[in-house]
Amino acid sequence: IFALVLAAIAIWAGGSRAARPGPAADRP
């Protein structure tokens, strides 16, 4: 199995998105 872990990357697995500030309105 050649799992395309798109590390940093797109994962073709349903994983939780890493935390990041929200939309532009929430940014500095």
mmCIF file of all heavy atoms, coordinates in Angstrom:
data_MODEL
# 
_entry.id   MODEL 
# 
loop_
_atom_site.group_PDB 
_atom_site.id 
_atom_site.type_symbol 
_atom_site.label_atom_id 
_atom_site.label_alt_id 
_atom_site.label_comp_id 
_atom_site.label_asym_id 
_atom_site.label_entity_id 
_atom_site.label_seq_id 
_atom_site.pdbx_PDB_ins_code 
_atom_site.Cartn_x 
_atom_site.Cartn_y 
_atom_site.Cartn_z 
_atom_site.occupancy 
_atom_site.B_iso_or_equiv 
_atom_site.pdbx_formal_charge 
_atom_site.auth_seq_id 
_atom_site.auth_comp_id 
_atom_site.auth_asym_id 
_atom_site.auth_atom_id 
_atom_site.pdbx_PDB_model_num 
ATOM 1   N N   . ILE A 1 1  ? 0.851   -1.188 0.000  1.00 0.00 ? 1  ILE A N   1 
ATOM 2   C CA  . ILE A 1 1  ? 0.000   0.000  0.000  1.00 0.00 ? 1  ILE A CA  1 
ATOM 3   C C   . ILE A 1 1  ? 0.885   1.234  0.000  1.00 0.00 ? 1  ILE A C   1 
ATOM 4   O O   . ILE A 1 1  ? 1.700   1.425  0.888  1.00 0.00 ? 1  ILE A O   1 
ATOM 5   C CB  . ILE A 1 1  ? -0.911  0.005  1.236  1.00 0.00 ? 1  ILE A CB  1 
ATOM 6   C CG1 . ILE A 1 1  ? -1.850  -1.207 1.187  1.00 0.00 ? 1  ILE A CG1 1 
ATOM 7   C CG2 . ILE A 1 1  ? -1.723  1.295  1.300  1.00 0.00 ? 1  ILE A CG2 1 
ATOM 8   C CD1 . ILE A 1 1  ? -2.782  -1.228 0.018  1.00 0.00 ? 1  ILE A CD1 1 
ATOM 9   N N   . PHE A 1 2  ? 0.715   2.071  -1.028 1.00 0.00 ? 2  PHE A N   1 
ATOM 10  C CA  . PHE A 1 2  ? 1.478   3.311  -1.139 1.00 0.00 ? 2  PHE A CA  1 
ATOM 11  C C   . PHE A 1 2  ? 0.546   4.431  -0.725 1.00 0.00 ? 2  PHE A C   1 
ATOM 12  O O   . PHE A 1 2  ? -0.121  5.050  -1.513 1.00 0.00 ? 2  PHE A O   1 
ATOM 13  C CB  . PHE A 1 2  ? 1.942   3.483  -2.583 1.00 0.00 ? 2  PHE A CB  1 
ATOM 14  C CG  . PHE A 1 2  ? 2.986   4.527  -2.777 1.00 0.00 ? 2  PHE A CG  1 
ATOM 15  C CD1 . PHE A 1 2  ? 4.321   4.244  -2.564 1.00 0.00 ? 2  PHE A CD1 1 
ATOM 16  C CD2 . PHE A 1 2  ? 2.628   5.793  -3.194 1.00 0.00 ? 2  PHE A CD2 1 
ATOM 17  C CE1 . PHE A 1 2  ? 5.281   5.200  -2.785 1.00 0.00 ? 2  PHE A CE1 1 
ATOM 18  C CE2 . PHE A 1 2  ? 3.594   6.751  -3.417 1.00 0.00 ? 2  PHE A CE2 1 
ATOM 19  C CZ  . PHE A 1 2  ? 4.923   6.450  -3.212 1.00 0.00 ? 2  PHE A CZ  1 
ATOM 20  N N   . ALA A 1 3  ? 0.438   4.656  0.585  1.00 0.00 ? 3  ALA A N   1 
ATOM 21  C CA  . ALA A 1 3  ? -0.500  5.659  1.091  1.00 0.00 ? 3  ALA A CA  1 
ATOM 22  C C   . ALA A 1 3  ? 0.067   7.033  0.807  1.00 0.00 ? 3  ALA A C   1 
ATOM 23  O O   . ALA A 1 3  ? 1.162   7.337  1.220  1.00 0.00 ? 3  ALA A O   1 
ATOM 24  C CB  . ALA A 1 3  ? -0.699  5.465  2.584  1.00 0.00 ? 3  ALA A CB  1 
ATOM 25  N N   . LEU A 1 4  ? -0.681  7.824  0.123  1.00 0.00 ? 4  LEU A N   1 
ATOM 26  C CA  . LEU A 1 4  ? -0.209  9.164  -0.179 1.00 0.00 ? 4  LEU A CA  1 
ATOM 27  C C   . LEU A 1 4  ? -0.486  10.059 1.007  1.00 0.00 ? 4  LEU A C   1 
ATOM 28  O O   . LEU A 1 4  ? -1.488  10.732 1.064  1.00 0.00 ? 4  LEU A O   1 
ATOM 29  C CB  . LEU A 1 4  ? -0.889  9.709  -1.428 1.00 0.00 ? 4  LEU A CB  1 
ATOM 30  C CG  . LEU A 1 4  ? -0.465  9.001  -2.694 1.00 0.00 ? 4  LEU A CG  1 
ATOM 31  C CD1 . LEU A 1 4  ? -1.118  9.660  -3.879 1.00 0.00 ? 4  LEU A CD1 1 
ATOM 32  C CD2 . LEU A 1 4  ? 1.026   9.067  -2.834 1.00 0.00 ? 4  LEU A CD2 1 
ATOM 33  N N   . VAL A 1 5  ? 0.419   9.986  1.986  1.00 0.00 ? 5  VAL A N   1 
ATOM 34  C CA  . VAL A 1 5  ? 0.299   10.894 3.112  1.00 0.00 ? 5  VAL A CA  1 
ATOM 35  C C   . VAL A 1 5  ? 0.857   12.212 2.618  1.00 0.00 ? 5  VAL A C   1 
ATOM 36  O O   . VAL A 1 5  ? 2.040   12.346 2.436  1.00 0.00 ? 5  VAL A O   1 
ATOM 37  C CB  . VAL A 1 5  ? 1.107   10.390 4.309  1.00 0.00 ? 5  VAL A CB  1 
ATOM 38  C CG1 . VAL A 1 5  ? 1.008   11.375 5.445  1.00 0.00 ? 5  VAL A CG1 1 
ATOM 39  C CG2 . VAL A 1 5  ? 0.613   9.039  4.732  1.00 0.00 ? 5  VAL A CG2 1 
ATOM 40  N N   . LEU A 1 6  ? 0.045   13.152 2.379  1.00 0.00 ? 6  LEU A N   1 
ATOM 41  C CA  . LEU A 1 6  ? 0.509   14.410 1.813  1.00 0.00 ? 6  LEU A CA  1 
ATOM 42  C C   . LEU A 1 6  ? 0.910   15.283 2.976  1.00 0.00 ? 6  LEU A C   1 
ATOM 43  O O   . LEU A 1 6  ? 0.153   16.083 3.479  1.00 0.00 ? 6  LEU A O   1 
ATOM 44  C CB  . LEU A 1 6  ? -0.582  15.024 0.951  1.00 0.00 ? 6  LEU A CB  1 
ATOM 45  C CG  . LEU A 1 6  ? -1.084  14.004 -0.065 1.00 0.00 ? 6  LEU A CG  1 
ATOM 46  C CD1 . LEU A 1 6  ? -2.197  14.577 -0.883 1.00 0.00 ? 6  LEU A CD1 1 
ATOM 47  C CD2 . LEU A 1 6  ? 0.052   13.562 -0.938 1.00 0.00 ? 6  LEU A CD2 1 
ATOM 48  N N   . ALA A 1 7  ? 2.116   15.045 3.413  1.00 0.00 ? 7  ALA A N   1 
ATOM 49  C CA  . ALA A 1 7  ? 2.537   15.591 4.673  1.00 0.00 ? 7  ALA A CA  1 
ATOM 50  C C   . ALA A 1 7  ? 3.045   16.984 4.472  1.00 0.00 ? 7  ALA A C   1 
ATOM 51  O O   . ALA A 1 7  ? 4.102   17.216 3.992  1.00 0.00 ? 7  ALA A O   1 
ATOM 52  C CB  . ALA A 1 7  ? 3.624   14.705 5.249  1.00 0.00 ? 7  ALA A CB  1 
ATOM 53  N N   . ALA A 1 8  ? 2.330   17.819 4.828  1.00 0.00 ? 8  ALA A N   1 
ATOM 54  C CA  . ALA A 1 8  ? 2.498   19.273 4.918  1.00 0.00 ? 8  ALA A CA  1 
ATOM 55  C C   . ALA A 1 8  ? 1.838   19.999 3.832  1.00 0.00 ? 8  ALA A C   1 
ATOM 56  O O   . ALA A 1 8  ? 2.115   21.080 3.522  1.00 0.00 ? 8  ALA A O   1 
ATOM 57  C CB  . ALA A 1 8  ? 3.926   19.646 4.893  1.00 0.00 ? 8  ALA A CB  1 
ATOM 58  N N   . ILE A 1 9  ? 1.356   19.325 3.360  1.00 0.00 ? 9  ILE A N   1 
ATOM 59  C CA  . ILE A 1 9  ? 1.058   18.112 2.592  1.00 0.00 ? 9  ILE A CA  1 
ATOM 60  C C   . ILE A 1 9  ? -0.457  17.967 2.601  1.00 0.00 ? 9  ILE A C   1 
ATOM 61  O O   . ILE A 1 9  ? -1.082  18.185 3.585  1.00 0.00 ? 9  ILE A O   1 
ATOM 62  C CB  . ILE A 1 9  ? 1.677   16.838 3.215  1.00 0.00 ? 9  ILE A CB  1 
ATOM 63  C CG1 . ILE A 1 9  ? 3.187   16.868 3.150  1.00 0.00 ? 9  ILE A CG1 1 
ATOM 64  C CG2 . ILE A 1 9  ? 1.205   15.630 2.472  1.00 0.00 ? 9  ILE A CG2 1 
ATOM 65  C CD1 . ILE A 1 9  ? 3.824   15.705 3.833  1.00 0.00 ? 9  ILE A CD1 1 
ATOM 66  N N   . ALA A 1 10 ? -0.967  17.400 1.469  1.00 0.00 ? 10 ALA A N   1 
ATOM 67  C CA  . ALA A 1 10 ? -2.354  17.010 1.470  1.00 0.00 ? 10 ALA A CA  1 
ATOM 68  C C   . ALA A 1 10 ? -2.423  15.591 1.927  1.00 0.00 ? 10 ALA A C   1 
ATOM 69  O O   . ALA A 1 10 ? -1.723  14.783 1.424  1.00 0.00 ? 10 ALA A O   1 
ATOM 70  C CB  . ALA A 1 10 ? -2.899  17.082 0.068  1.00 0.00 ? 10 ALA A CB  1 
ATOM 71  N N   . ILE A 1 11 ? -3.266  15.271 2.897  1.00 0.00 ? 11 ILE A N   1 
ATOM 72  C CA  . ILE A 1 11 ? -3.456  13.875 3.200  1.00 0.00 ? 11 ILE A CA  1 
ATOM 73  C C   . ILE A 1 11 ? -4.722  13.452 2.509  1.00 0.00 ? 11 ILE A C   1 
ATOM 74  O O   . ILE A 1 11 ? -5.716  14.088 2.646  1.00 0.00 ? 11 ILE A O   1 
ATOM 75  C CB  . ILE A 1 11 ? -3.782  13.602 4.646  1.00 0.00 ? 11 ILE A CB  1 
ATOM 76  C CG1 . ILE A 1 11 ? -2.870  14.248 5.556  1.00 0.00 ? 11 ILE A CG1 1 
ATOM 77  C CG2 . ILE A 1 11 ? -3.556  12.245 4.979  1.00 0.00 ? 11 ILE A CG2 1 
ATOM 78  C CD1 . ILE A 1 11 ? -3.182  13.647 6.914  1.00 0.00 ? 11 ILE A CD1 1 
ATOM 79  N N   . TRP A 1 12 ? -4.691  12.332 1.866  1.00 0.00 ? 12 TRP A N   1 
ATOM 80  C CA  . TRP A 1 12 ? -5.927  11.844 1.284  1.00 0.00 ? 12 TRP A CA  1 
ATOM 81  C C   . TRP A 1 12 ? -6.697  11.051 2.319  1.00 0.00 ? 12 TRP A C   1 
ATOM 82  O O   . TRP A 1 12 ? -7.569  10.274 1.995  1.00 0.00 ? 12 TRP A O   1 
ATOM 83  C CB  . TRP A 1 12 ? -5.644  11.005 0.048  1.00 0.00 ? 12 TRP A CB  1 
ATOM 84  C CG  . TRP A 1 12 ? -5.187  11.853 -1.057 1.00 0.00 ? 12 TRP A CG  1 
ATOM 85  C CD1 . TRP A 1 12 ? -5.073  13.191 -1.053 1.00 0.00 ? 12 TRP A CD1 1 
ATOM 86  C CD2 . TRP A 1 12 ? -4.760  11.434 -2.334 1.00 0.00 ? 12 TRP A CD2 1 
ATOM 87  N NE1 . TRP A 1 12 ? -4.603  13.622 -2.241 1.00 0.00 ? 12 TRP A NE1 1 
ATOM 88  C CE2 . TRP A 1 12 ? -4.405  12.568 -3.045 1.00 0.00 ? 12 TRP A CE2 1 
ATOM 89  C CE3 . TRP A 1 12 ? -4.649  10.170 -2.952 1.00 0.00 ? 12 TRP A CE3 1 
ATOM 90  C CZ2 . TRP A 1 12 ? -3.951  12.503 -4.337 1.00 0.00 ? 12 TRP A CZ2 1 
ATOM 91  C CZ3 . TRP A 1 12 ? -4.194  10.116 -4.236 1.00 0.00 ? 12 TRP A CZ3 1 
ATOM 92  C CH2 . TRP A 1 12 ? -3.851  11.277 -4.916 1.00 0.00 ? 12 TRP A CH2 1 
ATOM 93  N N   . ALA A 1 13 ? -6.303  11.215 3.560  1.00 0.00 ? 13 ALA A N   1 
ATOM 94  C CA  . ALA A 1 13 ? -7.064  10.607 4.632  1.00 0.00 ? 13 ALA A CA  1 
ATOM 95  C C   . ALA A 1 13 ? -7.834  11.701 5.327  1.00 0.00 ? 13 ALA A C   1 
ATOM 96  O O   . ALA A 1 13 ? -7.385  12.811 5.416  1.00 0.00 ? 13 ALA A O   1 
ATOM 97  C CB  . ALA A 1 13 ? -6.115  9.950  5.630  1.00 0.00 ? 13 ALA A CB  1 
ATOM 98  N N   . GLY A 1 14 ? -8.956  11.390 5.863  1.00 0.00 ? 14 GLY A N   1 
ATOM 99  C CA  . GLY A 1 14 ? -9.689  12.398 6.622  1.00 0.00 ? 14 GLY A CA  1 
ATOM 100 C C   . GLY A 1 14 ? -9.093  12.521 7.988  1.00 0.00 ? 14 GLY A C   1 
ATOM 101 O O   . GLY A 1 14 ? -9.365  11.729 8.858  1.00 0.00 ? 14 GLY A O   1 
ATOM 102 N N   . GLY A 1 15 ? -8.266  13.544 8.155  1.00 0.00 ? 15 GLY A N   1 
ATOM 103 C CA  . GLY A 1 15 ? -7.683  13.822 9.453  1.00 0.00 ? 15 GLY A CA  1 
ATOM 104 C C   . GLY A 1 15 ? -8.046  15.211 9.872  1.00 0.00 ? 15 GLY A C   1 
ATOM 105 O O   . GLY A 1 15 ? -8.457  16.027 9.075  1.00 0.00 ? 15 GLY A O   1 
ATOM 106 N N   . SER A 1 16 ? -7.904  15.526 11.117 1.00 0.00 ? 16 SER A N   1 
ATOM 107 C CA  . SER A 1 16 ? -8.276  16.851 11.601 1.00 0.00 ? 16 SER A CA  1 
ATOM 108 C C   . SER A 1 16 ? -7.248  17.864 11.150 1.00 0.00 ? 16 SER A C   1 
ATOM 109 O O   . SER A 1 16 ? -6.062  17.617 11.191 1.00 0.00 ? 16 SER A O   1 
ATOM 110 C CB  . SER A 1 16 ? -8.342  16.835 13.128 1.00 0.00 ? 16 SER A CB  1 
ATOM 111 O OG  . SER A 1 16 ? -7.100  16.472 13.668 1.00 0.00 ? 16 SER A OG  1 
ATOM 112 N N   . ARG A 1 17 ? -7.716  19.033 10.683 1.00 0.00 ? 17 ARG A N   1 
ATOM 113 C CA  . ARG A 1 17 ? -6.833  20.087 10.228 1.00 0.00 ? 17 ARG A CA  1 
ATOM 114 C C   . ARG A 1 17 ? -6.105  20.693 11.424 1.00 0.00 ? 17 ARG A C   1 
ATOM 115 O O   . ARG A 1 17 ? -6.675  20.915 12.468 1.00 0.00 ? 17 ARG A O   1 
ATOM 116 C CB  . ARG A 1 17 ? -7.650  21.155 9.499  1.00 0.00 ? 17 ARG A CB  1 
ATOM 117 C CG  . ARG A 1 17 ? -6.787  22.203 8.842  1.00 0.00 ? 17 ARG A CG  1 
ATOM 118 C CD  . ARG A 1 17 ? -7.646  23.210 8.113  1.00 0.00 ? 17 ARG A CD  1 
ATOM 119 N NE  . ARG A 1 17 ? -8.405  22.582 7.065  1.00 0.00 ? 17 ARG A NE  1 
ATOM 120 C CZ  . ARG A 1 17 ? -7.957  22.407 5.829  1.00 0.00 ? 17 ARG A CZ  1 
ATOM 121 N NH1 . ARG A 1 17 ? -6.751  22.797 5.534  1.00 0.00 ? 17 ARG A NH1 1 
ATOM 122 N NH2 . ARG A 1 17 ? -8.707  21.839 4.924  1.00 0.00 ? 17 ARG A NH2 1 
ATOM 123 N N   . ALA A 1 18 ? -4.814  20.949 11.219 1.00 0.00 ? 18 ALA A N   1 
ATOM 124 C CA  . ALA A 1 18 ? -4.041  21.553 12.301 1.00 0.00 ? 18 ALA A CA  1 
ATOM 125 C C   . ALA A 1 18 ? -4.586  22.930 12.629 1.00 0.00 ? 18 ALA A C   1 
ATOM 126 O O   . ALA A 1 18 ? -5.132  23.619 11.796 1.00 0.00 ? 18 ALA A O   1 
ATOM 127 C CB  . ALA A 1 18 ? -2.568  21.656 11.886 1.00 0.00 ? 18 ALA A CB  1 
ATOM 128 N N   . ALA A 1 19 ? -4.438  23.322 13.887 1.00 0.00 ? 19 ALA A N   1 
ATOM 129 C CA  . ALA A 1 19 ? -4.976  24.596 14.341 1.00 0.00 ? 19 ALA A CA  1 
ATOM 130 C C   . ALA A 1 19 ? -4.322  25.751 13.607 1.00 0.00 ? 19 ALA A C   1 
ATOM 131 O O   . ALA A 1 19 ? -3.141  25.739 13.340 1.00 0.00 ? 19 ALA A O   1 
ATOM 132 C CB  . ALA A 1 19 ? -4.721  24.752 15.839 1.00 0.00 ? 19 ALA A CB  1 
ATOM 133 N N   . ARG A 1 20 ? -5.135  26.743 13.269 1.00 0.00 ? 20 ARG A N   1 
ATOM 134 C CA  . ARG A 1 20 ? -4.653  27.928 12.580 1.00 0.00 ? 20 ARG A CA  1 
ATOM 135 C C   . ARG A 1 20 ? -5.677  29.025 12.775 1.00 0.00 ? 20 ARG A C   1 
ATOM 136 O O   . ARG A 1 20 ? -6.858  28.756 12.893 1.00 0.00 ? 20 ARG A O   1 
ATOM 137 C CB  . ARG A 1 20 ? -4.483  27.632 11.085 1.00 0.00 ? 20 ARG A CB  1 
ATOM 138 C CG  . ARG A 1 20 ? -4.006  28.853 10.281 1.00 0.00 ? 20 ARG A CG  1 
ATOM 139 C CD  . ARG A 1 20 ? -3.872  28.456 8.828  1.00 0.00 ? 20 ARG A CD  1 
ATOM 140 N NE  . ARG A 1 20 ? -3.605  29.599 7.987  1.00 0.00 ? 20 ARG A NE  1 
ATOM 141 C CZ  . ARG A 1 20 ? -2.406  30.076 7.740  1.00 0.00 ? 20 ARG A CZ  1 
ATOM 142 N NH1 . ARG A 1 20 ? -1.368  29.526 8.302  1.00 0.00 ? 20 ARG A NH1 1 
ATOM 143 N NH2 . ARG A 1 20 ? -2.249  31.108 6.933  1.00 0.00 ? 20 ARG A NH2 1 
ATOM 144 N N   . PRO A 1 21 ? -5.243  30.281 12.828 1.00 0.00 ? 21 PRO A N   1 
ATOM 145 C CA  . PRO A 1 21 ? -6.207  31.350 12.971 1.00 0.00 ? 21 PRO A CA  1 
ATOM 146 C C   . PRO A 1 21 ? -7.262  31.290 11.881 1.00 0.00 ? 21 PRO A C   1 
ATOM 147 O O   . PRO A 1 21 ? -7.018  30.787 10.794 1.00 0.00 ? 21 PRO A O   1 
ATOM 148 C CB  . PRO A 1 21 ? -5.339  32.611 12.835 1.00 0.00 ? 21 PRO A CB  1 
ATOM 149 C CG  . PRO A 1 21 ? -3.980  32.171 13.262 1.00 0.00 ? 21 PRO A CG  1 
ATOM 150 C CD  . PRO A 1 21 ? -3.869  30.749 12.818 1.00 0.00 ? 21 PRO A CD  1 
ATOM 151 N N   . GLY A 1 22 ? -8.438  31.851 12.166 1.00 0.00 ? 22 GLY A N   1 
ATOM 152 C CA  . GLY A 1 22 ? -9.577  31.740 11.277 1.00 0.00 ? 22 GLY A CA  1 
ATOM 153 C C   . GLY A 1 22 ? -9.520  32.663 10.093 1.00 0.00 ? 22 GLY A C   1 
ATOM 154 O O   . GLY A 1 22 ? -8.453  33.020 9.628  1.00 0.00 ? 22 GLY A O   1 
ATOM 155 N N   . PRO A 1 23 ? -10.694 33.069 9.581  1.00 0.00 ? 23 PRO A N   1 
ATOM 156 C CA  . PRO A 1 23 ? -10.746 33.888 8.388  1.00 0.00 ? 23 PRO A CA  1 
ATOM 157 C C   . PRO A 1 23 ? -10.014 35.200 8.563  1.00 0.00 ? 23 PRO A C   1 
ATOM 158 O O   . PRO A 1 23 ? -9.573  35.578 9.647  1.00 0.00 ? 23 PRO A O   1 
ATOM 159 C CB  . PRO A 1 23 ? -12.257 34.118 8.201  1.00 0.00 ? 23 PRO A CB  1 
ATOM 160 C CG  . PRO A 1 23 ? -12.912 33.026 8.959  1.00 0.00 ? 23 PRO A CG  1 
ATOM 161 C CD  . PRO A 1 23 ? -12.017 32.724 10.112 1.00 0.00 ? 23 PRO A CD  1 
ATOM 162 N N   . ALA A 1 24 ? -9.941  35.924 7.428  1.00 0.00 ? 24 ALA A N   1 
ATOM 163 C CA  . ALA A 1 24 ? -9.162  37.171 7.444  1.00 0.00 ? 24 ALA A CA  1 
ATOM 164 C C   . ALA A 1 24 ? -9.635  38.122 8.521  1.00 0.00 ? 24 ALA A C   1 
ATOM 165 O O   . ALA A 1 24 ? -8.837  38.856 9.113  1.00 0.00 ? 24 ALA A O   1 
ATOM 166 C CB  . ALA A 1 24 ? -9.253  37.833 6.066  1.00 0.00 ? 24 ALA A CB  1 
ATOM 167 N N   . ALA A 1 25 ? -10.931 38.137 8.797  1.00 0.00 ? 25 ALA A N   1 
ATOM 168 C CA  . ALA A 1 25 ? -11.462 39.062 9.806  1.00 0.00 ? 25 ALA A CA  1 
ATOM 169 C C   . ALA A 1 25 ? -10.880 38.789 11.187 1.00 0.00 ? 25 ALA A C   1 
ATOM 170 O O   . ALA A 1 25 ? -10.836 39.662 12.045 1.00 0.00 ? 25 ALA A O   1 
ATOM 171 C CB  . ALA A 1 25 ? -12.980 38.968 9.843  1.00 0.00 ? 25 ALA A CB  1 
ATOM 172 N N   . ASP A 1 26 ? -10.445 37.552 11.421 1.00 0.00 ? 26 ASP A N   1 
ATOM 173 C CA  . ASP A 1 26 ? -9.909  37.195 12.726 1.00 0.00 ? 26 ASP A CA  1 
ATOM 174 C C   . ASP A 1 26 ? -8.396  37.369 12.805 1.00 0.00 ? 26 ASP A C   1 
ATOM 175 O O   . ASP A 1 26 ? -7.803  37.157 13.852 1.00 0.00 ? 26 ASP A O   1 
ATOM 176 C CB  . ASP A 1 26 ? -10.244 35.730 13.038 1.00 0.00 ? 26 ASP A CB  1 
ATOM 177 C CG  . ASP A 1 26 ? -11.740 35.500 13.091 1.00 0.00 ? 26 ASP A CG  1 
ATOM 178 O OD1 . ASP A 1 26 ? -12.460 36.433 13.490 1.00 0.00 ? 26 ASP A OD1 1 
ATOM 179 O OD2 . ASP A 1 26 ? -12.182 34.409 12.719 1.00 0.00 ? 26 ASP A OD2 1 
ATOM 180 N N   . ARG A 1 27 ? -7.763  37.724 11.679 1.00 0.00 ? 27 ARG A N   1 
ATOM 181 C CA  . ARG A 1 27 ? -6.320  37.852 11.645 1.00 0.00 ? 27 ARG A CA  1 
ATOM 182 C C   . ARG A 1 27 ? -5.892  39.235 12.106 1.00 0.00 ? 27 ARG A C   1 
ATOM 183 O O   . ARG A 1 27 ? -6.678  40.174 12.116 1.00 0.00 ? 27 ARG A O   1 
ATOM 184 C CB  . ARG A 1 27 ? -5.809  37.621 10.214 1.00 0.00 ? 27 ARG A CB  1 
ATOM 185 C CG  . ARG A 1 27 ? -6.140  36.236 9.684  1.00 0.00 ? 27 ARG A CG  1 
ATOM 186 C CD  . ARG A 1 27 ? -5.457  35.154 10.510 1.00 0.00 ? 27 ARG A CD  1 
ATOM 187 N NE  . ARG A 1 27 ? -5.714  33.856 9.913  1.00 0.00 ? 27 ARG A NE  1 
ATOM 188 C CZ  . ARG A 1 27 ? -4.972  33.336 8.934  1.00 0.00 ? 27 ARG A CZ  1 
ATOM 189 N NH1 . ARG A 1 27 ? -3.956  34.011 8.466  1.00 0.00 ? 27 ARG A NH1 1 
ATOM 190 N NH2 . ARG A 1 27 ? -5.260  32.168 8.446  1.00 0.00 ? 27 ARG A NH2 1 
ATOM 191 N N   . PRO A 1 28 ? -4.613  39.414 12.448 1.00 0.00 ? 28 PRO A N   1 
ATOM 192 C CA  . PRO A 1 28 ? -4.137  40.743 12.804 1.00 0.00 ? 28 PRO A CA  1 
ATOM 193 C C   . PRO A 1 28 ? -4.343  41.724 11.658 1.00 0.00 ? 28 PRO A C   1 
ATOM 194 O O   . PRO A 1 28 ? -4.276  41.353 10.489 1.00 0.00 ? 28 PRO A O   1 
ATOM 195 C CB  . PRO A 1 28 ? -2.634  40.524 13.077 1.00 0.00 ? 28 PRO A CB  1 
ATOM 196 C CG  . PRO A 1 28 ? -2.520  39.070 13.389 1.00 0.00 ? 28 PRO A CG  1 
ATOM 197 C CD  . PRO A 1 28 ? -3.584  38.390 12.577 1.00 0.00 ? 28 PRO A CD  1 
# 
